[in-house]
Amino acid sequence: MATTSSLNEAEFEYLFKLLMIGDSGVGKSTLLLSFTSNTFEDLSPTIGVDFKVKHVTLGGKKLKLAIWDTAGQERFRTLTSSYYRGAQGIIMVYDVTRRDTFTNLSDIWAKEIDLYSTSPDCIKMLVGNKVDKESERVVSKKEGLDFAREYGCLFLECSAKTRINVEQCFEELVLKILETPSLLAEGSAGVKRNNIFKQKPQSEVSTGGCCSY
């Protein structure tokens, strides 16, 4: 995936909205930071919703990715539900060293997608994070694959810390969106250029708590 940092920000063919969901502490924010900034930091849990933009060239197209990082805590659920609207891609993240974060994919997060996603063709990506902690792994790769098959998701394991498969998570998701005519139409620059930013992050401030990579 080639970044286009020198590209005039107004010059893009498609604007895609991507949403990151999953339990608090699974590493959504650090995964996003690793992708957008090529850096790793121990981050505190997101409060409300955070937001980042990345320009890329992929599949021969100039793209603008608007990526929304949602808080995993239950008290923010009502707030974050509105951010599913208009998303062409949703990334569900769990921590391979924490069984509860995997169990909650079916108990909570897949149900939220069914409730709040407005696009029937929305592409879903399942991501198992923290594979750098292989000795602490409690969720097998096969379990992740089985879940992905059952729920119709793409699937990758990655590490925000070592950057293994970080770019691939976003690249494979976006390539699949590019292959889906209805989502391509939704992402047309003329249609989405002014609409996608009507929602504003409720907070971009992180506060207290354990690291979340």
Foldseek 3Di string as FASTA:
>chain_A
DAFPPVDDPLDFFFEAEEEEAFAWQLQQVLLVCCQAPVDGDQFFFFDFKDWDWTWGQAPNGTYIYIYIYGGRDPVNVVRCLQVLERHQEYEYEGEQLDPVRVVCCVVPVLVSCVVRHPDPNRAYEYEHEDCVVVVRGDHDVVNQVVVCVVSVHHYDYAYSHVGRCSNVRVRVNVVVLVVDVVSSVSGGCVNPVPPSPPDDGPDPDGDDDGGRD
